[in-house]
């Protein structure tokens, strides 16, 4: 399933397709106590909080995998117009949504 094409563009060059519908991949990640302590210390001196960055990378990857699973369950061959949205649920939780349009190739 990881070979399913996911693109941010509206058109896939050389492919004709029909739209199946909207697809989503959602995840919410929580920071652990070690990350929170490290972030608190980093907040004092400034700079990138690499544990949080890694958490966001992981959340992005999970949301794309779930988007692909959703699209495959609908019988899609690809996803076009993929976008991300993210937001804090609380001080310790971050939510990431990948969303797009599932399409089926026309032979």
PDB file of N, CA and C in Angstrom:
ATOM      1  N   UNK A   1       0.819  -1.202   0.000  1.00  0.00           N
ATOM      2  CA  UNK A   1       0.000   0.000   0.000  1.00  0.00           C
ATOM      3  C   UNK A   1       0.858   1.260   0.000  1.00  0.00           C
ATOM      4  N   UNK A   2       2.082   1.161   0.531  1.00  0.00           N
ATOM      5  CA  UNK A   2       2.937   2.340   0.566  1.00  0.00           C
ATOM      6  C   UNK A   2       3.339   2.794  -0.837  1.00  0.00           C
ATOM      7  N   UNK A   3       3.064   1.961  -1.846  1.00  0.00           N
ATOM      8  CA  UNK A   3       3.372   2.358  -3.209  1.00  0.00           C
ATOM      9  C   UNK A   3       2.219   3.120  -3.871  1.00  0.00           C
ATOM     10  N   UNK A   4       1.109   3.313  -3.142  1.00  0.00           N
ATOM     11  CA  UNK A   4       0.007   4.104  -3.683  1.00  0.00           C
ATOM     12  C   UNK A   4       0.465   5.552  -3.838  1.00  0.00           C
ATOM     13  N   UNK A   5       0.277   6.098  -5.022  1.00  0.00           N
ATOM     14  CA  UNK A   5       0.681   7.470  -5.292  1.00  0.00           C
ATOM     15  C   UNK A   5      -0.168   8.450  -4.494  1.00  0.00           C
ATOM     16  N   UNK A   6       0.496   9.329  -3.774  1.00  0.00           N
ATOM     17  CA  UNK A   6      -0.154  10.421  -3.063  1.00  0.00           C
ATOM     18  C   UNK A   6       0.538  11.686  -3.527  1.00  0.00           C
ATOM     19  N   UNK A   7      -0.243  12.602  -4.088  1.00  0.00           N
ATOM     20  CA  UNK A   7       0.343  13.814  -4.643  1.00  0.00           C
ATOM     21  C   UNK A   7      -0.414  15.048  -4.178  1.00  0.00           C
ATOM     22  N   UNK A   8       0.302  16.162  -4.115  1.00  0.00           N
ATOM     23  CA  UNK A   8      -0.332  17.425  -3.737  1.00  0.00           C
ATOM     24  C   UNK A   8      -0.910  18.146  -4.947  1.00  0.00           C
ATOM     25  N   UNK A   9      -0.663  17.621  -6.131  1.00  0.00           N
ATOM     26  CA  UNK A   9      -1.168  18.253  -7.348  1.00  0.00           C
ATOM     27  C   UNK A   9      -2.575  17.767  -7.671  1.00  0.00           C
ATOM     28  N   UNK A  10      -3.265  18.527  -8.513  1.00  0.00           N
ATOM     29  CA  UNK A  10      -4.617  18.145  -8.916  1.00  0.00           C
ATOM     30  C   UNK A  10      -4.598  17.099 -10.025  1.00  0.00           C
ATOM     31  N   UNK A  11      -3.623  17.182 -10.900  1.00  0.00           N
ATOM     32  CA  UNK A  11      -3.530  16.281 -12.052  1.00  0.00           C
ATOM     33  C   UNK A  11      -2.306  15.385 -11.935  1.00  0.00           C
ATOM     34  N   UNK A  12      -2.457  14.150 -12.396  1.00  0.00           N
ATOM     35  CA  UNK A  12      -1.342  13.222 -12.506  1.00  0.00           C
ATOM     36  C   UNK A  12      -1.013  13.130 -13.993  1.00  0.00           C
ATOM     37  N   UNK A  13       0.163  13.586 -14.395  1.00  0.00           N
ATOM     38  CA  UNK A  13       0.502  13.588 -15.822  1.00  0.00           C
ATOM     39  C   UNK A  13       0.351  12.205 -16.457  1.00  0.00           C
ATOM     40  N   UNK A  14      -0.338  12.164 -17.597  1.00  0.00           N
ATOM     41  CA  UNK A  14      -0.505  10.924 -18.349  1.00  0.00           C
ATOM     42  C   UNK A  14      -1.560   9.977 -17.802  1.00  0.00           C
ATOM     43  N   UNK A  15      -2.314  10.396 -16.797  1.00  0.00           N
ATOM     44  CA  UNK A  15      -3.333   9.524 -16.205  1.00  0.00           C
ATOM     45  C   UNK A  15      -4.702  10.190 -16.277  1.00  0.00           C
ATOM     46  N   UNK A  16      -5.695   9.399 -16.669  1.00  0.00           N
ATOM     47  CA  UNK A  16      -7.083   9.826 -16.578  1.00  0.00           C
ATOM     48  C   UNK A  16      -7.697   9.070 -15.412  1.00  0.00           C
ATOM     49  N   UNK A  17      -8.543   9.738 -14.680  1.00  0.00           N
ATOM     50  CA  UNK A  17      -9.130   9.084 -13.512  1.00  0.00           C
ATOM     51  C   UNK A  17     -10.484   9.675 -13.182  1.00  0.00           C
ATOM     52  N   UNK A  18     -11.233   8.899 -12.397  1.00  0.00           N
ATOM     53  CA  UNK A  18     -12.504   9.366 -11.876  1.00  0.00           C
ATOM     54  C   UNK A  18     -12.356   9.571 -10.370  1.00  0.00           C
ATOM     55  N   UNK A  19     -13.079  10.514  -9.849  1.00  0.00           N
ATOM     56  CA  UNK A  19     -13.014  10.832  -8.424  1.00  0.00           C
ATOM     57  C   UNK A  19     -13.892   9.855  -7.654  1.00  0.00           C
ATOM     58  N   UNK A  20     -13.343   9.284  -6.603  1.00  0.00           N
ATOM     59  CA  UNK A  20     -14.106   8.393  -5.731  1.00  0.00           C
ATOM     60  C   UNK A  20     -14.671   9.175  -4.549  1.00  0.00           C
ATOM     61  N   UNK A  21     -13.826   9.978  -3.905  1.00  0.00           N
ATOM     62  CA  UNK A  21     -14.305  10.765  -2.774  1.00  0.00           C
ATOM     63  C   UNK A  21     -13.178  11.225  -1.873  1.00  0.00           C
ATOM     64  N   UNK A  22     -13.560  11.846  -0.777  1.00  0.00           N
ATOM     65  CA  UNK A  22     -12.591  12.371   0.183  1.00  0.00           C
ATOM     66  C   UNK A  22     -12.006  11.242   1.014  1.00  0.00           C
ATOM     67  N   UNK A  23     -10.724  11.383   1.337  1.00  0.00           N
ATOM     68  CA  UNK A  23     -10.056  10.428   2.231  1.00  0.00           C
ATOM     69  C   UNK A  23      -9.278  11.187   3.287  1.00  0.00           C
ATOM     70  N   UNK A  24      -9.129  10.548   4.440  1.00  0.00           N
ATOM     71  CA  UNK A  24      -8.464  11.171   5.576  1.00  0.00           C
ATOM     72  C   UNK A  24      -7.538  10.190   6.247  1.00  0.00           C
ATOM     73  N   UNK A  25      -6.525  10.694   6.881  1.00  0.00           N
ATOM     74  CA  UNK A  25      -5.661   9.927   7.768  1.00  0.00           C
ATOM     75  C   UNK A  25      -5.396  10.788   8.987  1.00  0.00           C
ATOM     76  N   UNK A  26      -5.773  10.312  10.144  1.00  0.00           N
ATOM     77  CA  UNK A  26      -5.676  11.115  11.366  1.00  0.00           C
ATOM     78  C   UNK A  26      -4.823  10.425  12.410  1.00  0.00           C
ATOM     79  N   UNK A  27      -4.106  11.211  13.195  1.00  0.00           N
ATOM     80  CA  UNK A  27      -3.391  10.689  14.352  1.00  0.00           C
ATOM     81  C   UNK A  27      -3.241  11.795  15.378  1.00  0.00           C
ATOM     82  N   UNK A  28      -3.158  11.391  16.634  1.00  0.00           N
ATOM     83  CA  UNK A  28      -2.863  12.316  17.723  1.00  0.00           C
ATOM     84  C   UNK A  28      -1.698  11.737  18.494  1.00  0.00           C
ATOM     85  N   UNK A  29      -0.673  12.535  18.651  1.00  0.00           N
ATOM     86  CA  UNK A  29       0.528  12.098  19.342  1.00  0.00           C
ATOM     87  C   UNK A  29       0.643  12.818  20.678  1.00  0.00           C
ATOM     88  N   UNK A  30       1.151  12.120  21.656  1.00  0.00           N
ATOM     89  CA  UNK A  30       1.358  12.691  22.984  1.00  0.00           C
ATOM     90  C   UNK A  30       2.846  12.714  23.283  1.00  0.00           C
ATOM     91  N   UNK A  31       3.284  13.759  23.932  1.00  0.00           N
ATOM     92  CA  UNK A  31       4.674  13.860  24.354  1.00  0.00           C
ATOM     93  C   UNK A  31       4.835  13.119  25.668  1.00  0.00           C
ATOM     94  N   UNK A  32       5.935  12.391  25.812  1.00  0.00           N
ATOM     95  CA  UNK A  32       6.152  11.695  27.079  1.00  0.00           C
ATOM     96  C   UNK A  32       6.869  12.611  28.074  1.00  0.00           C
ATOM     97  N   UNK A  33       7.010  12.162  29.284  1.00  0.00           N
ATOM     98  CA  UNK A  33       7.572  12.983  30.349  1.00  0.00           C
ATOM     99  C   UNK A  33       9.013  13.408  30.040  1.00  0.00           C
ATOM    100  N   UNK A  34       9.792  12.521  29.411  1.00  0.00           N
ATOM    101  CA  UNK A  34      11.172  12.861  29.067  1.00  0.00           C
ATOM    102  C   UNK A  34      11.187  13.994  28.048  1.00  0.00           C
ATOM    103  N   UNK A  35      10.326  13.899  27.041  1.00  0.00           N
ATOM    104  CA  UNK A  35      10.241  14.968  26.043  1.00  0.00           C
ATOM    105  C   UNK A  35       9.802  16.277  26.679  1.00  0.00           C
ATOM    106  N   UNK A  36       8.869  16.213  27.603  1.00  0.00           N
ATOM    107  CA  UNK A  36       8.396  17.432  28.268  1.00  0.00           C
ATOM    108  C   UNK A  36       9.496  18.096  29.091  1.00  0.00           C
ATOM    109  N   UNK A  37      10.276  17.298  29.806  1.00  0.00           N
ATOM    110  CA  UNK A  37      11.374  17.861  30.599  1.00  0.00           C
ATOM    111  C   UNK A  37      12.414  18.484  29.676  1.00  0.00           C
ATOM    112  N   UNK A  38      12.774  17.748  28.625  1.00  0.00           N
ATOM    113  CA  UNK A  38      13.755  18.273  27.663  1.00  0.00           C
ATOM    114  C   UNK A  38      13.273  19.542  26.992  1.00  0.00           C
ATOM    115  N   UNK A  39      11.995  19.582  26.656  1.00  0.00           N
ATOM    116  CA  UNK A  39      11.427  20.777  26.022  1.00  0.00           C
ATOM    117  C   UNK A  39      11.443  21.955  26.981  1.00  0.00           C
ATOM    118  N   UNK A  40      11.148  21.688  28.236  1.00  0.00           N
ATOM    119  CA  UNK A  40      11.171  22.755  29.232  1.00  0.00           C
ATOM    120  C   UNK A  40      12.551  23.353  29.373  1.00  0.00           C
ATOM    121  N   UNK A  41      13.570  22.514  29.377  1.00  0.00           N
ATOM    122  CA  UNK A  41      14.944  23.009  29.467  1.00  0.00           C
ATOM    123  C   UNK A  41      15.334  23.771  28.204  1.00  0.00           C
ATOM    124  N   UNK A  42      14.948  23.237  27.050  1.00  0.00           N
ATOM    125  CA  UNK A  42      15.272  23.892  25.776  1.00  0.00           C
ATOM    126  C   UNK A  42      14.549  25.227  25.662  1.00  0.00           C
ATOM    127  N   UNK A  43      13.371  25.321  26.251  1.00  0.00           N
ATOM    128  CA  UNK A  43      12.598  26.550  26.230  1.00  0.00           C
ATOM    129  C   UNK A  43      13.350  27.690  26.925  1.00  0.00           C
ATOM    130  N   UNK A  44      14.173  27.351  27.890  1.00  0.00           N
ATOM    131  CA  UNK A  44      14.955  28.358  28.616  1.00  0.00           C
ATOM    132  C   UNK A  44      16.049  28.941  27.730  1.00  0.00           C
ATOM    133  N   UNK A  45      16.756  28.083  26.991  1.00  0.00           N
ATOM    134  CA  UNK A  45      17.898  28.544  26.192  1.00  0.00           C
ATOM    135  C   UNK A  45      17.538  28.819  24.736  1.00  0.00           C
ATOM    136  N   UNK A  46      16.395  28.328  24.269  1.00  0.00           N
ATOM    137  CA  UNK A  46      15.961  28.559  22.890  1.00  0.00           C
ATOM    138  C   UNK A  46      16.518  27.517  21.931  1.00  0.00           C
ATOM    139  N   UNK A  47      16.000  27.523  20.728  1.00  0.00           N
ATOM    140  CA  UNK A  47      16.439  26.596  19.691  1.00  0.00           C
ATOM    141  C   UNK A  47      15.396  25.542  19.400  1.00  0.00           C
ATOM    142  N   UNK A  48      15.743  24.691  18.454  1.00  0.00           N
ATOM    143  CA  UNK A  48      14.824  23.629  18.031  1.00  0.00           C
ATOM    144  C   UNK A  48      14.683  22.577  19.125  1.00  0.00           C
ATOM    145  N   UNK A  49      13.479  22.114  19.317  1.00  0.00           N
ATOM    146  CA  UNK A  49      13.205  21.021  20.249  1.00  0.00           C
ATOM    147  C   UNK A  49      13.074  19.765  19.395  1.00  0.00           C
ATOM    148  N   UNK A  50      14.192  19.068  19.246  1.00  0.00           N
ATOM    149  CA  UNK A  50      14.281  17.969  18.284  1.00  0.00           C
ATOM    150  C   UNK A  50      13.329  16.821  18.605  1.00  0.00           C
ATOM    151  N   UNK A  51      13.065  16.556  19.870  1.00  0.00           N
ATOM    152  CA  UNK A  51      12.113  15.497  20.207  1.00  0.00           C
ATOM    153  C   UNK A  51      10.714  15.832  19.698  1.00  0.00           C
ATOM    154  N   UNK A  52      10.320  17.089  19.791  1.00  0.00           N
ATOM    155  CA  UNK A  52       9.008  17.508  19.286  1.00  0.00           C
ATOM    156  C   UNK A  52       8.978  17.440  17.761  1.00  0.00           C
ATOM    157  N   UNK A  53      10.074  17.860  17.144  1.00  0.00           N
ATOM    158  CA  UNK A  53      10.156  17.771  15.682  1.00  0.00           C
ATOM    159  C   UNK A  53      10.015  16.327  15.237  1.00  0.00           C
ATOM    160  N   UNK A  54      10.708  15.413  15.907  1.00  0.00           N
ATOM    161  CA  UNK A  54      10.610  13.994  15.574  1.00  0.00           C
ATOM    162  C   UNK A  54       9.189  13.483  15.783  1.00  0.00           C
ATOM    163  N   UNK A  55       8.543  13.938  16.848  1.00  0.00           N
ATOM    164  CA  UNK A  55       7.163  13.537  17.096  1.00  0.00           C
ATOM    165  C   UNK A  55       6.260  13.974  15.937  1.00  0.00           C
ATOM    166  N   UNK A  56       6.476  15.172  15.415  1.00  0.00           N
ATOM    167  CA  UNK A  56       5.667  15.673  14.305  1.00  0.00           C
ATOM    168  C   UNK A  56       5.949  14.901  13.015  1.00  0.00           C
ATOM    169  N   UNK A  57       7.208  14.536  12.786  1.00  0.00           N
ATOM    170  CA  UNK A  57       7.558  13.723  11.613  1.00  0.00           C
ATOM    171  C   UNK A  57       6.843  12.379  11.695  1.00  0.00           C
ATOM    172  N   UNK A  58       6.879  11.756  12.871  1.00  0.00           N
ATOM    173  CA  UNK A  58       6.196  10.478  13.064  1.00  0.00           C
ATOM    174  C   UNK A  58       4.688  10.623  12.851  1.00  0.00           C
ATOM    175  N   UNK A  59       4.116  11.685  13.365  1.00  0.00           N
ATOM    176  CA  UNK A  59       2.678  11.921  13.206  1.00  0.00           C
ATOM    177  C   UNK A  59       2.319  12.117  11.740  1.00  0.00           C
ATOM    178  N   UNK A  60       3.145  12.844  11.019  1.00  0.00           N
ATOM    179  CA  UNK A  60       2.909  13.048   9.585  1.00  0.00           C
ATOM    180  C   UNK A  60       2.934  11.717   8.852  1.00  0.00           C
ATOM    181  N   UNK A  61       3.945  10.893   9.140  1.00  0.00           N
ATOM    182  CA  UNK A  61       4.072   9.601   8.465  1.00  0.00           C
ATOM    183  C   UNK A  61       2.885   8.685   8.777  1.00  0.00           C
ATOM    184  N   UNK A  62       2.449   8.658  10.027  1.00  0.00           N
ATOM    185  CA  UNK A  62       1.294   7.843  10.409  1.00  0.00           C
ATOM    186  C   UNK A  62       0.037   8.332   9.689  1.00  0.00           C
ATOM    187  N   UNK A  63      -0.150   9.646   9.626  1.00  0.00           N
ATOM    188  CA  UNK A  63      -1.360  10.178   8.981  1.00  0.00           C
ATOM    189  C   UNK A  63      -1.378   9.860   7.486  1.00  0.00           C
ATOM    190  N   UNK A  64      -0.230   9.875   6.825  1.00  0.00           N
ATOM    191  CA  UNK A  64      -0.180   9.518   5.401  1.00  0.00           C
ATOM    192  C   UNK A  64      -0.465   8.028   5.217  1.00  0.00           C
ATOM    193  N   UNK A  65       0.092   7.185   6.086  1.00  0.00           N
ATOM    194  CA  UNK A  65      -0.192   5.745   6.003  1.00  0.00           C
ATOM    195  C   UNK A  65      -1.689   5.485   6.155  1.00  0.00           C
ATOM    196  N   UNK A  66      -2.313   6.168   7.089  1.00  0.00           N
ATOM    197  CA  UNK A  66      -3.756   5.983   7.314  1.00  0.00           C
ATOM    198  C   UNK A  66      -4.574   6.541   6.156  1.00  0.00           C
ATOM    199  N   UNK A  67      -4.109   7.611   5.543  1.00  0.00           N
ATOM    200  CA  UNK A  67      -4.755   8.146   4.342  1.00  0.00           C
ATOM    201  C   UNK A  67      -4.730   7.096   3.237  1.00  0.00           C
ATOM    202  N   UNK A  68      -3.573   6.475   3.039  1.00  0.00           N
ATOM    203  CA  UNK A  68      -3.453   5.426   2.017  1.00  0.00           C
ATOM    204  C   UNK A  68      -4.385   4.249   2.327  1.00  0.00           C
ATOM    205  N   UNK A  69      -4.454   3.849   3.598  1.00  0.00           N
ATOM    206  CA  UNK A  69      -5.344   2.752   3.990  1.00  0.00           C
ATOM    207  C   UNK A  69      -6.800   3.097   3.687  1.00  0.00           C
ATOM    208  N   UNK A  70      -7.189   4.322   3.993  1.00  0.00           N
ATOM    209  CA  UNK A  70      -8.561   4.783   3.729  1.00  0.00           C
ATOM    210  C   UNK A  70      -8.843   4.750   2.230  1.00  0.00           C
ATOM    211  N   UNK A  71      -7.885   5.227   1.441  1.00  0.00           N
ATOM    212  CA  UNK A  71      -8.056   5.252  -0.020  1.00  0.00           C
ATOM    213  C   UNK A  71      -8.131   3.831  -0.586  1.00  0.00           C
ATOM    214  N   UNK A  72      -7.268   2.938  -0.104  1.00  0.00           N
ATOM    215  CA  UNK A  72      -7.280   1.550  -0.584  1.00  0.00           C
ATOM    216  C   UNK A  72      -8.597   0.873  -0.246  1.00  0.00           C
ATOM    217  N   UNK A  73      -9.135   1.145   0.928  1.00  0.00           N
ATOM    218  CA  UNK A  73     -10.422   0.553   1.327  1.00  0.00           C
ATOM    219  C   UNK A  73     -11.555   1.015   0.420  1.00  0.00           C
ATOM    220  N   UNK A  74     -11.393   2.183  -0.196  1.00  0.00           N
ATOM    221  CA  UNK A  74     -12.405   2.704  -1.117  1.00  0.00           C
ATOM    222  C   UNK A  74     -12.162   2.233  -2.547  1.00  0.00           C
ATOM    223  N   UNK A  75     -11.070   1.495  -2.773  1.00  0.00           N
ATOM    224  CA  UNK A  75     -10.751   1.007  -4.112  1.00  0.00           C
ATOM    225  C   UNK A  75      -9.986   1.999  -4.957  1.00  0.00           C
ATOM    226  N   UNK A  76      -9.342   2.951  -4.334  1.00  0.00           N
ATOM    227  CA  UNK A  76      -8.611   3.992  -5.066  1.00  0.00           C
ATOM    228  C   UNK A  76      -7.269   3.481  -5.577  1.00  0.00           C
ATOM    229  N   UNK A  77      -6.803   4.118  -6.642  1.00  0.00           N
ATOM    230  CA  UNK A  77      -5.465   3.862  -7.176  1.00  0.00           C
ATOM    231  C   UNK A  77      -4.470   4.929  -6.737  1.00  0.00           C
ATOM    232  N   UNK A  78      -4.975   6.100  -6.361  1.00  0.00           N
ATOM    233  CA  UNK A  78      -4.104   7.213  -5.974  1.00  0.00           C
ATOM    234  C   UNK A  78      -4.905   8.231  -5.172  1.00  0.00           C
ATOM    235  N   UNK A  79      -4.183   9.182  -4.587  1.00  0.00           N
ATOM    236  CA  UNK A  79      -4.798  10.308  -3.887  1.00  0.00           C
ATOM    237  C   UNK A  79      -4.200  11.583  -4.457  1.00  0.00           C
ATOM    238  N   UNK A  80      -5.060  12.504  -4.854  1.00  0.00           N
ATOM    239  CA  UNK A  80      -4.611  13.795  -5.370  1.00  0.00           C
ATOM    240  C   UNK A  80      -4.997  14.899  -4.397  1.00  0.00           C
ATOM    241  N   UNK A  81      -4.366  16.029  -4.550  1.00  0.00           N
ATOM    242  CA  UNK A  81      -4.657  17.226  -3.740  1.00  0.00           C
ATOM    243  C   UNK A  81      -4.496  16.965  -2.241  1.00  0.00           C
ATOM    244  N   UNK A  82      -3.475  16.168  -1.855  1.00  0.00           N
ATOM    245  CA  UNK A  82      -3.245  15.867  -0.447  1.00  0.00           C
ATOM    246  C   UNK A  82      -2.748  17.118   0.265  1.00  0.00           C
ATOM    247  N   UNK A  83      -3.263  17.308   1.474  1.00  0.00           N
ATOM    248  CA  UNK A  83      -2.873  18.430   2.331  1.00  0.00           C
ATOM    249  C   UNK A  83      -2.731  17.924   3.760  1.00  0.00           C
ATOM    250  N   UNK A  84      -2.062  18.726   4.577  1.00  0.00           N
ATOM    251  CA  UNK A  84      -1.940  18.455   6.005  1.00  0.00           C
ATOM    252  C   UNK A  84      -2.619  19.552   6.790  1.00  0.00           C
ATOM    253  N   UNK A  85      -3.109  19.175   7.948  1.00  0.00           N
ATOM    254  CA  UNK A  85      -3.591  20.139   8.934  1.00  0.00           C
ATOM    255  C   UNK A  85      -3.107  19.621  10.277  1.00  0.00           C
ATOM    256  N   UNK A  86      -2.753  20.522  11.171  1.00  0.00           N
ATOM    257  CA  UNK A  86      -2.313  20.085  12.491  1.00  0.00           C
ATOM    258  C   UNK A  86      -2.739  21.107  13.528  1.00  0.00           C
ATOM    259  N   UNK A  87      -2.791  20.645  14.757  1.00  0.00           N
ATOM    260  CA  UNK A  87      -3.161  21.541  15.830  1.00  0.00           C
ATOM    261  C   UNK A  87      -2.942  20.891  17.172  1.00  0.00           C
ATOM    262  N   UNK A  88      -2.857  21.718  18.183  1.00  0.00           N
ATOM    263  CA  UNK A  88      -2.687  21.235  19.546  1.00  0.00           C
ATOM    264  C   UNK A  88      -4.045  20.937  20.156  1.00  0.00           C
ATOM    265  N   UNK A  89      -4.142  19.803  20.804  1.00  0.00           N
ATOM    266  CA  UNK A  89      -5.353  19.458  21.539  1.00  0.00           C
ATOM    267  C   UNK A  89      -5.204  19.943  22.967  1.00  0.00           C
ATOM    268  N   UNK A  90      -3.990  19.808  23.481  1.00  0.00           N
ATOM    269  CA  UNK A  90      -3.654  20.329  24.801  1.00  0.00           C
ATOM    270  C   UNK A  90      -2.168  20.642  24.778  1.00  0.00           C
ATOM    271  N   UNK A  91      -1.611  21.011  25.900  1.00  0.00           N
ATOM    272  CA  UNK A  91      -0.188  21.325  25.951  1.00  0.00           C
ATOM    273  C   UNK A  91       0.668  20.109  25.610  1.00  0.00           C
ATOM    274  N   UNK A  92       0.125  18.907  25.785  1.00  0.00           N
ATOM    275  CA  UNK A  92       0.905  17.691  25.591  1.00  0.00           C
ATOM    276  C   UNK A  92       0.484  16.849  24.393  1.00  0.00           C
ATOM    277  N   UNK A  93      -0.488  17.302  23.616  1.00  0.00           N
ATOM    278  CA  UNK A  93      -0.970  16.495  22.496  1.00  0.00           C
ATOM    279  C   UNK A  93      -1.050  17.318  21.215  1.00  0.00           C
ATOM    280  N   UNK A  94      -0.636  16.684  20.130  1.00  0.00           N
ATOM    281  CA  UNK A  94      -0.648  17.302  18.815  1.00  0.00           C
ATOM    282  C   UNK A  94      -1.396  16.377  17.866  1.00  0.00           C
ATOM    283  N   UNK A  95      -2.293  16.928  17.077  1.00  0.00           N
ATOM    284  CA  UNK A  95      -3.068  16.150  16.123  1.00  0.00           C
ATOM    285  C   UNK A  95      -2.648  16.523  14.706  1.00  0.00           C
ATOM    286  N   UNK A  96      -2.531  15.523  13.836  1.00  0.00           N
ATOM    287  CA  UNK A  96      -2.190  15.747  12.437  1.00  0.00           C
ATOM    288  C   UNK A  96      -3.224  15.034  11.578  1.00  0.00           C
ATOM    289  N   UNK A  97      -3.728  15.730  10.574  1.00  0.00           N
ATOM    290  CA  UNK A  97      -4.657  15.164   9.606  1.00  0.00           C
ATOM    291  C   UNK A  97      -4.067  15.308   8.207  1.00  0.00           C
ATOM    292  N   UNK A  98      -4.033  14.213   7.481  1.00  0.00           N
ATOM    293  CA  UNK A  98      -3.709  14.245   6.061  1.00  0.00           C
ATOM    294  C   UNK A  98      -5.036  14.016   5.345  1.00  0.00           C
ATOM    295  N   UNK A  99      -5.330  14.812   4.332  1.00  0.00           N
ATOM    296  CA  UNK A  99      -6.585  14.637   3.614  1.00  0.00           C
ATOM    297  C   UNK A  99      -6.392  14.925   2.138  1.00  0.00           C
ATOM    298  N   UNK A 100      -7.248  14.332   1.321  1.00  0.00           N
ATOM    299  CA  UNK A 100      -7.139  14.511  -0.114  1.00  0.00           C
ATOM    300  C   UNK A 100      -8.330  13.883  -0.821  1.00  0.00           C
ATOM    301  N   UNK A 101      -8.180  13.692  -2.119  1.00  0.00           N
ATOM    302  CA  UNK A 101      -9.234  13.128  -2.946  1.00  0.00           C
ATOM    303  C   UNK A 101      -8.777  11.795  -3.521  1.00  0.00           C
ATOM    304  N   UNK A 102      -9.513  10.739  -3.227  1.00  0.00           N
ATOM    305  CA  UNK A 102      -9.211   9.410  -3.756  1.00  0.00           C
ATOM    306  C   UNK A 102      -9.689   9.327  -5.205  1.00  0.00           C
ATOM    307  N   UNK A 103      -8.852   8.732  -6.042  1.00  0.00           N
ATOM    308  CA  UNK A 103      -9.194   8.602  -7.464  1.00  0.00           C
ATOM    309  C   UNK A 103      -8.934   7.181  -7.946  1.00  0.00           C
ATOM    310  N   UNK A 104      -9.681   6.799  -8.988  1.00  0.00           N
ATOM    311  CA  UNK A 104      -9.532   5.487  -9.628  1.00  0.00           C
ATOM    312  C   UNK A 104      -9.133   5.733 -11.076  1.00  0.00           C
ATOM    313  N   UNK A 105      -8.024   5.084 -11.513  1.00  0.00           N
ATOM    314  CA  UNK A 105      -7.549   5.268 -12.880  1.00  0.00           C
ATOM    315  C   UNK A 105      -8.530   4.675 -13.872  1.00  0.00           C
ATOM    316  N   UNK A 106      -8.693   5.345 -15.005  1.00  0.00           N
ATOM    317  CA  UNK A 106      -9.514   4.875 -16.112  1.00  0.00           C
ATOM    318  C   UNK A 106      -8.589   4.297 -17.160  1.00  0.00           C
ATOM    319  N   UNK A 107      -8.846   3.054 -17.542  1.00  0.00           N
ATOM    320  CA  UNK A 107      -7.951   2.377 -18.518  1.00  0.00           C
ATOM    321  C   UNK A 107      -8.115   2.933 -19.897  1.00  0.00           C
TER     322      UNK A 107
END
